[in-house]
Amino acid sequence: MATLPGAAHASMLSPSDTPVAQEVKDLQSLLKGKEEQMRSTELLLKEKEREMAKMAEQLQLKKEREHLEQELEKAEIERSTYVSEVRELKDLLTELQKKLDDSYSEAVRQNEELNVLKTQLNETVSKLKTDQNERQNVAVDLPKVSASLETKLDSALYEVSRGSQHVAS
């Protein structure tokens, strides 16, 4: 068996020192580095995914906040409108209450006037009835008085005519 030059030298190397073994070691080391890099990248990716999820959540919260702020602004505008309407209604109610109070006062005054007028009317009617009764009594007594006066007038004429006859005789 002939040995190749350098073969003696190759036999002296341990199996882990051969170029293939060295290449395997280098590849394993490279693989190990790539695996660590991959784990690191996966961790970084997971971290980025968490950050993205957090950012998406924050974005959603921001949108919700903006929506709520818009709703709040609308509610404040409506509240302001309601406050204005309530103020106007209170003013109108105050005005109507004043008119009602004035109308009530006027009604009380007119009622008092009406009571005075009723009293005056009753007094007038009473006086008219008294006057009417007196007139009726006068009307009833008038023929008697007239007859009495006639009789007295006739007597007086008779006396006058008799007295004239006495003076003439």
C-alpha atoms as a PDB file:
ATOM      1  CA  MET A   1       0.000   0.000   0.000  1.00  0.00           C
ATOM      2  CA  ALA A   2       1.442   3.110  -0.954  1.00  0.00           C
ATOM      3  CA  THR A   3       0.759   6.138   1.099  1.00  0.00           C
ATOM      4  CA  LEU A   4       0.175   9.365  -0.372  1.00  0.00           C
ATOM      5  CA  PRO A   5       2.275  12.216   0.527  1.00  0.00           C
ATOM      6  CA  GLY A   6       0.639  14.049   3.303  1.00  0.00           C
ATOM      7  CA  ALA A   7      -1.401  10.932   4.079  1.00  0.00           C
ATOM      8  CA  ALA A   8       0.803  10.212   7.004  1.00  0.00           C
ATOM      9  CA  HIS A   9       0.152  13.654   8.034  1.00  0.00           C
ATOM     10  CA  ALA A  10      -3.632  13.198   7.544  1.00  0.00           C
ATOM     11  CA  SER A  11      -3.633  10.057   9.621  1.00  0.00           C
ATOM     12  CA  MET A  12      -2.127  11.946  12.405  1.00  0.00           C
ATOM     13  CA  LEU A  13      -5.041  14.350  12.484  1.00  0.00           C
ATOM     14  CA  SER A  14      -7.958  13.421  14.663  1.00  0.00           C
ATOM     15  CA  PRO A  15     -11.276  12.860  12.954  1.00  0.00           C
ATOM     16  CA  SER A  16     -12.540  16.153  14.394  1.00  0.00           C
ATOM     17  CA  ASP A  17      -9.623  18.036  12.793  1.00  0.00           C
ATOM     18  CA  THR A  18     -10.340  17.036   9.213  1.00  0.00           C
ATOM     19  CA  PRO A  19     -11.438  19.681   6.762  1.00  0.00           C
ATOM     20  CA  VAL A  20     -14.908  18.055   6.411  1.00  0.00           C
ATOM     21  CA  ALA A  21     -15.256  17.894  10.162  1.00  0.00           C
ATOM     22  CA  GLN A  22     -14.180  21.486  10.338  1.00  0.00           C
ATOM     23  CA  GLU A  23     -16.698  22.390   7.679  1.00  0.00           C
ATOM     24  CA  VAL A  24     -19.415  20.465   9.586  1.00  0.00           C
ATOM     25  CA  LYS A  25     -18.434  22.338  12.740  1.00  0.00           C
ATOM     26  CA  ASP A  26     -18.529  25.595  10.860  1.00  0.00           C
ATOM     27  CA  LEU A  27     -21.928  24.728   9.398  1.00  0.00           C
ATOM     28  CA  GLN A  28     -23.236  23.655  12.798  1.00  0.00           C
ATOM     29  CA  SER A  29     -21.930  26.864  14.294  1.00  0.00           C
ATOM     30  CA  LEU A  30     -23.479  28.797  11.436  1.00  0.00           C
ATOM     31  CA  LEU A  31     -26.756  26.882  11.886  1.00  0.00           C
ATOM     32  CA  LYS A  32     -26.676  27.563  15.603  1.00  0.00           C
ATOM     33  CA  GLY A  33     -26.092  31.285  14.881  1.00  0.00           C
ATOM     34  CA  LYS A  34     -28.924  31.302  12.343  1.00  0.00           C
ATOM     35  CA  GLU A  35     -31.221  29.504  14.832  1.00  0.00           C
ATOM     36  CA  GLU A  36     -30.354  32.076  17.498  1.00  0.00           C
ATOM     37  CA  GLN A  37     -30.859  34.833  14.959  1.00  0.00           C
ATOM     38  CA  MET A  38     -34.197  33.239  14.009  1.00  0.00           C
ATOM     39  CA  ARG A  39     -35.252  33.014  17.689  1.00  0.00           C
ATOM     40  CA  SER A  40     -34.163  36.590  18.153  1.00  0.00           C
ATOM     41  CA  THR A  41     -36.090  37.586  15.021  1.00  0.00           C
ATOM     42  CA  GLU A  42     -39.138  35.623  16.228  1.00  0.00           C
ATOM     43  CA  LEU A  43     -38.915  37.371  19.608  1.00  0.00           C
ATOM     44  CA  LEU A  44     -38.541  40.689  17.834  1.00  0.00           C
ATOM     45  CA  LEU A  45     -41.481  39.779  15.555  1.00  0.00           C
ATOM     46  CA  LYS A  46     -43.628  38.826  18.554  1.00  0.00           C
ATOM     47  CA  GLU A  47     -42.625  42.067  20.263  1.00  0.00           C
ATOM     48  CA  LYS A  48     -43.518  44.007  17.093  1.00  0.00           C
ATOM     49  CA  GLU A  49     -46.838  42.111  16.878  1.00  0.00           C
ATOM     50  CA  ARG A  50     -47.570  43.062  20.495  1.00  0.00           C
ATOM     51  CA  GLU A  51     -46.620  46.654  19.736  1.00  0.00           C
ATOM     52  CA  MET A  52     -48.825  46.584  16.620  1.00  0.00           C
ATOM     53  CA  ALA A  53     -51.695  45.106  18.608  1.00  0.00           C
ATOM     54  CA  LYS A  54     -51.158  47.756  21.283  1.00  0.00           C
ATOM     55  CA  MET A  55     -51.013  50.453  18.597  1.00  0.00           C
ATOM     56  CA  ALA A  56     -54.165  49.051  16.958  1.00  0.00           C
ATOM     57  CA  GLU A  57     -55.855  49.074  20.357  1.00  0.00           C
ATOM     58  CA  GLN A  58     -54.647  52.624  20.980  1.00  0.00           C
ATOM     59  CA  LEU A  59     -55.852  53.630  17.525  1.00  0.00           C
ATOM     60  CA  GLN A  60     -59.245  52.049  18.255  1.00  0.00           C
ATOM     61  CA  LEU A  61     -59.348  53.806  21.619  1.00  0.00           C
ATOM     62  CA  LYS A  62     -58.389  57.069  19.920  1.00  0.00           C
ATOM     63  CA  LYS A  63     -61.194  56.620  17.391  1.00  0.00           C
ATOM     64  CA  GLU A  64     -63.639  55.813  20.192  1.00  0.00           C
ATOM     65  CA  ARG A  65     -62.413  58.826  22.151  1.00  0.00           C
ATOM     66  CA  GLU A  66     -62.839  61.088  19.112  1.00  0.00           C
ATOM     67  CA  HIS A  67     -66.316  59.648  18.569  1.00  0.00           C
ATOM     68  CA  LEU A  68     -67.196  60.218  22.228  1.00  0.00           C
ATOM     69  CA  GLU A  69     -65.794  63.752  22.054  1.00  0.00           C
ATOM     70  CA  GLN A  70     -68.006  64.418  19.018  1.00  0.00           C
ATOM     71  CA  GLU A  71     -70.998  62.961  20.850  1.00  0.00           C
ATOM     72  CA  LEU A  72     -70.148  65.086  23.882  1.00  0.00           C
ATOM     73  CA  GLU A  73     -69.913  68.183  21.698  1.00  0.00           C
ATOM     74  CA  LYS A  74     -73.309  67.370  20.152  1.00  0.00           C
ATOM     75  CA  ALA A  75     -74.752  66.780  23.624  1.00  0.00           C
ATOM     76  CA  GLU A  76     -73.345  70.107  24.830  1.00  0.00           C
ATOM     77  CA  ILE A  77     -74.889  71.881  21.836  1.00  0.00           C
ATOM     78  CA  GLU A  78     -78.227  70.167  22.502  1.00  0.00           C
ATOM     79  CA  ARG A  79     -77.948  71.041  26.198  1.00  0.00           C
ATOM     80  CA  SER A  80     -77.211  74.632  25.288  1.00  0.00           C
ATOM     81  CA  THR A  81     -80.228  74.618  22.971  1.00  0.00           C
ATOM     82  CA  TYR A  82     -82.395  73.091  25.696  1.00  0.00           C
ATOM     83  CA  VAL A  83     -81.136  75.654  28.206  1.00  0.00           C
ATOM     84  CA  SER A  84     -82.035  78.447  25.779  1.00  0.00           C
ATOM     85  CA  GLU A  85     -85.443  76.909  25.113  1.00  0.00           C
ATOM     86  CA  VAL A  86     -86.081  76.457  28.831  1.00  0.00           C
ATOM     87  CA  ARG A  87     -85.062  80.070  29.455  1.00  0.00           C
ATOM     88  CA  GLU A  88     -87.428  81.230  26.697  1.00  0.00           C
ATOM     89  CA  LEU A  89     -90.217  79.062  28.105  1.00  0.00           C
ATOM     90  CA  LYS A  90     -89.610  80.453  31.597  1.00  0.00           C
ATOM     91  CA  ASP A  91     -89.773  84.002  30.211  1.00  0.00           C
ATOM     92  CA  LEU A  92     -92.973  83.149  28.349  1.00  0.00           C
ATOM     93  CA  LEU A  93     -94.415  81.520  31.462  1.00  0.00           C
ATOM     94  CA  THR A  94     -93.532  84.594  33.518  1.00  0.00           C
ATOM     95  CA  GLU A  95     -95.161  86.826  30.930  1.00  0.00           C
ATOM     96  CA  LEU A  96     -98.283  84.634  30.805  1.00  0.00           C
ATOM     97  CA  GLN A  97     -98.423  84.518  34.607  1.00  0.00           C
ATOM     98  CA  LYS A  98     -98.280  88.329  34.704  1.00  0.00           C
ATOM     99  CA  LYS A  99    -101.078  88.535  32.132  1.00  0.00           C
ATOM    100  CA  LEU A 100    -103.084  86.009  34.134  1.00  0.00           C
ATOM    101  CA  ASP A 101    -102.513  87.982  37.342  1.00  0.00           C
ATOM    102  CA  ASP A 102    -103.527  91.195  35.558  1.00  0.00           C
ATOM    103  CA  SER A 103    -106.617  89.487  34.122  1.00  0.00           C
ATOM    104  CA  TYR A 104    -107.513  88.144  37.552  1.00  0.00           C
ATOM    105  CA  SER A 105    -107.104  91.596  39.107  1.00  0.00           C
ATOM    106  CA  GLU A 106    -109.263  93.082  36.356  1.00  0.00           C
ATOM    107  CA  ALA A 107    -111.893  90.353  36.870  1.00  0.00           C
ATOM    108  CA  VAL A 108    -111.930  91.052  40.636  1.00  0.00           C
ATOM    109  CA  ARG A 109    -112.283  94.797  39.973  1.00  0.00           C
ATOM    110  CA  GLN A 110    -115.092  94.206  37.475  1.00  0.00           C
ATOM    111  CA  ASN A 111    -116.783  91.807  39.888  1.00  0.00           C
ATOM    112  CA  GLU A 112    -116.662  94.476  42.605  1.00  0.00           C
ATOM    113  CA  GLU A 113    -118.104  97.012  40.151  1.00  0.00           C
ATOM    114  CA  LEU A 114    -120.790  94.512  39.193  1.00  0.00           C
ATOM    115  CA  ASN A 115    -121.684  93.985  42.847  1.00  0.00           C
ATOM    116  CA  VAL A 116    -121.929  97.779  43.336  1.00  0.00           C
ATOM    117  CA  LEU A 117    -124.081  98.057  40.209  1.00  0.00           C
ATOM    118  CA  LYS A 118    -126.298  95.173  41.391  1.00  0.00           C
ATOM    119  CA  THR A 119    -126.741  96.893  44.747  1.00  0.00           C
ATOM    120  CA  GLN A 120    -127.576 100.178  43.013  1.00  0.00           C
ATOM    121  CA  LEU A 121    -129.956  98.350  40.655  1.00  0.00           C
ATOM    122  CA  ASN A 122    -131.677  96.617  43.575  1.00  0.00           C
ATOM    123  CA  GLU A 123    -131.995  99.960  45.373  1.00  0.00           C
ATOM    124  CA  THR A 124    -133.355 101.570  42.191  1.00  0.00           C
ATOM    125  CA  VAL A 125    -135.812  98.693  41.635  1.00  0.00           C
ATOM    126  CA  SER A 126    -136.891  98.962  45.266  1.00  0.00           C
ATOM    127  CA  LYS A 127    -137.404 102.727  44.895  1.00  0.00           C
ATOM    128  CA  LEU A 128    -139.295 102.176  41.637  1.00  0.00           C
ATOM    129  CA  LYS A 129    -141.529  99.604  43.329  1.00  0.00           C
ATOM    130  CA  THR A 130    -142.115 102.007  46.216  1.00  0.00           C
ATOM    131  CA  ASP A 131    -142.841 104.815  43.737  1.00  0.00           C
ATOM    132  CA  GLN A 132    -145.093 102.491  41.732  1.00  0.00           C
ATOM    133  CA  ASN A 133    -146.965 101.455  44.889  1.00  0.00           C
ATOM    134  CA  GLU A 134    -147.357 105.111  45.847  1.00  0.00           C
ATOM    135  CA  ARG A 135    -148.590 105.916  42.314  1.00  0.00           C
ATOM    136  CA  GLN A 136    -150.987 103.006  42.456  1.00  0.00           C
ATOM    137  CA  ASN A 137    -152.213 104.213  45.837  1.00  0.00           C
ATOM    138  CA  VAL A 138    -152.518 107.736  44.426  1.00  0.00           C
ATOM    139  CA  ALA A 139    -154.238 106.317  41.346  1.00  0.00           C
ATOM    140  CA  VAL A 140    -156.642 104.386  43.586  1.00  0.00           C
ATOM    141  CA  ASP A 141    -157.200 107.407  45.831  1.00  0.00           C
ATOM    142  CA  LEU A 142    -157.357 109.879  42.921  1.00  0.00           C
ATOM    143  CA  PRO A 143    -161.010 109.234  42.060  1.00  0.00           C
ATOM    144  CA  LYS A 144    -161.943 109.560  45.740  1.00  0.00           C
ATOM    145  CA  VAL A 145    -159.872 112.727  46.113  1.00  0.00           C
ATOM    146  CA  SER A 146    -161.230 114.004  42.819  1.00  0.00           C
ATOM    147  CA  ALA A 147    -164.786 113.298  43.929  1.00  0.00           C
ATOM    148  CA  SER A 148    -164.060 114.899  47.302  1.00  0.00           C
ATOM    149  CA  LEU A 149    -162.525 117.949  45.621  1.00  0.00           C
ATOM    150  CA  GLU A 150    -165.428 118.145  43.249  1.00  0.00           C
ATOM    151  CA  THR A 151    -167.807 117.997  46.144  1.00  0.00           C
ATOM    152  CA  LYS A 152    -165.828 120.669  47.980  1.00  0.00           C
ATOM    153  CA  LEU A 153    -165.592 122.728  44.789  1.00  0.00           C
ATOM    154  CA  ASP A 154    -169.306 122.383  44.250  1.00  0.00           C
ATOM    155  CA  SER A 155    -169.884 123.394  47.888  1.00  0.00           C
ATOM    156  CA  ALA A 156    -167.526 126.293  47.542  1.00  0.00           C
ATOM    157  CA  LEU A 157    -169.203 127.403  44.312  1.00  0.00           C
ATOM    158  CA  TYR A 158    -172.529 127.033  45.950  1.00  0.00           C
ATOM    159  CA  GLU A 159    -171.317 129.102  48.876  1.00  0.00           C
ATOM    160  CA  VAL A 160    -169.821 131.645  46.558  1.00  0.00           C
ATOM    161  CA  SER A 161    -172.945 131.837  44.485  1.00  0.00           C
ATOM    162  CA  ARG A 162    -175.071 132.144  47.616  1.00  0.00           C
ATOM    163  CA  GLY A 163    -172.783 134.763  48.971  1.00  0.00           C
ATOM    164  CA  SER A 164    -173.056 136.697  45.721  1.00  0.00           C
ATOM    165  CA  GLN A 165    -176.776 136.526  45.978  1.00  0.00           C
ATOM    166  CA  HIS A 166    -176.592 137.854  49.511  1.00  0.00           C
ATOM    167  CA  VAL A 167    -174.392 140.686  48.487  1.00  0.00           C
ATOM    168  CA  ALA A 168    -176.669 141.521  45.576  1.00  0.00           C
ATOM    169  CA  SER A 169    -179.785 141.509  47.641  1.00  0.00           C
END
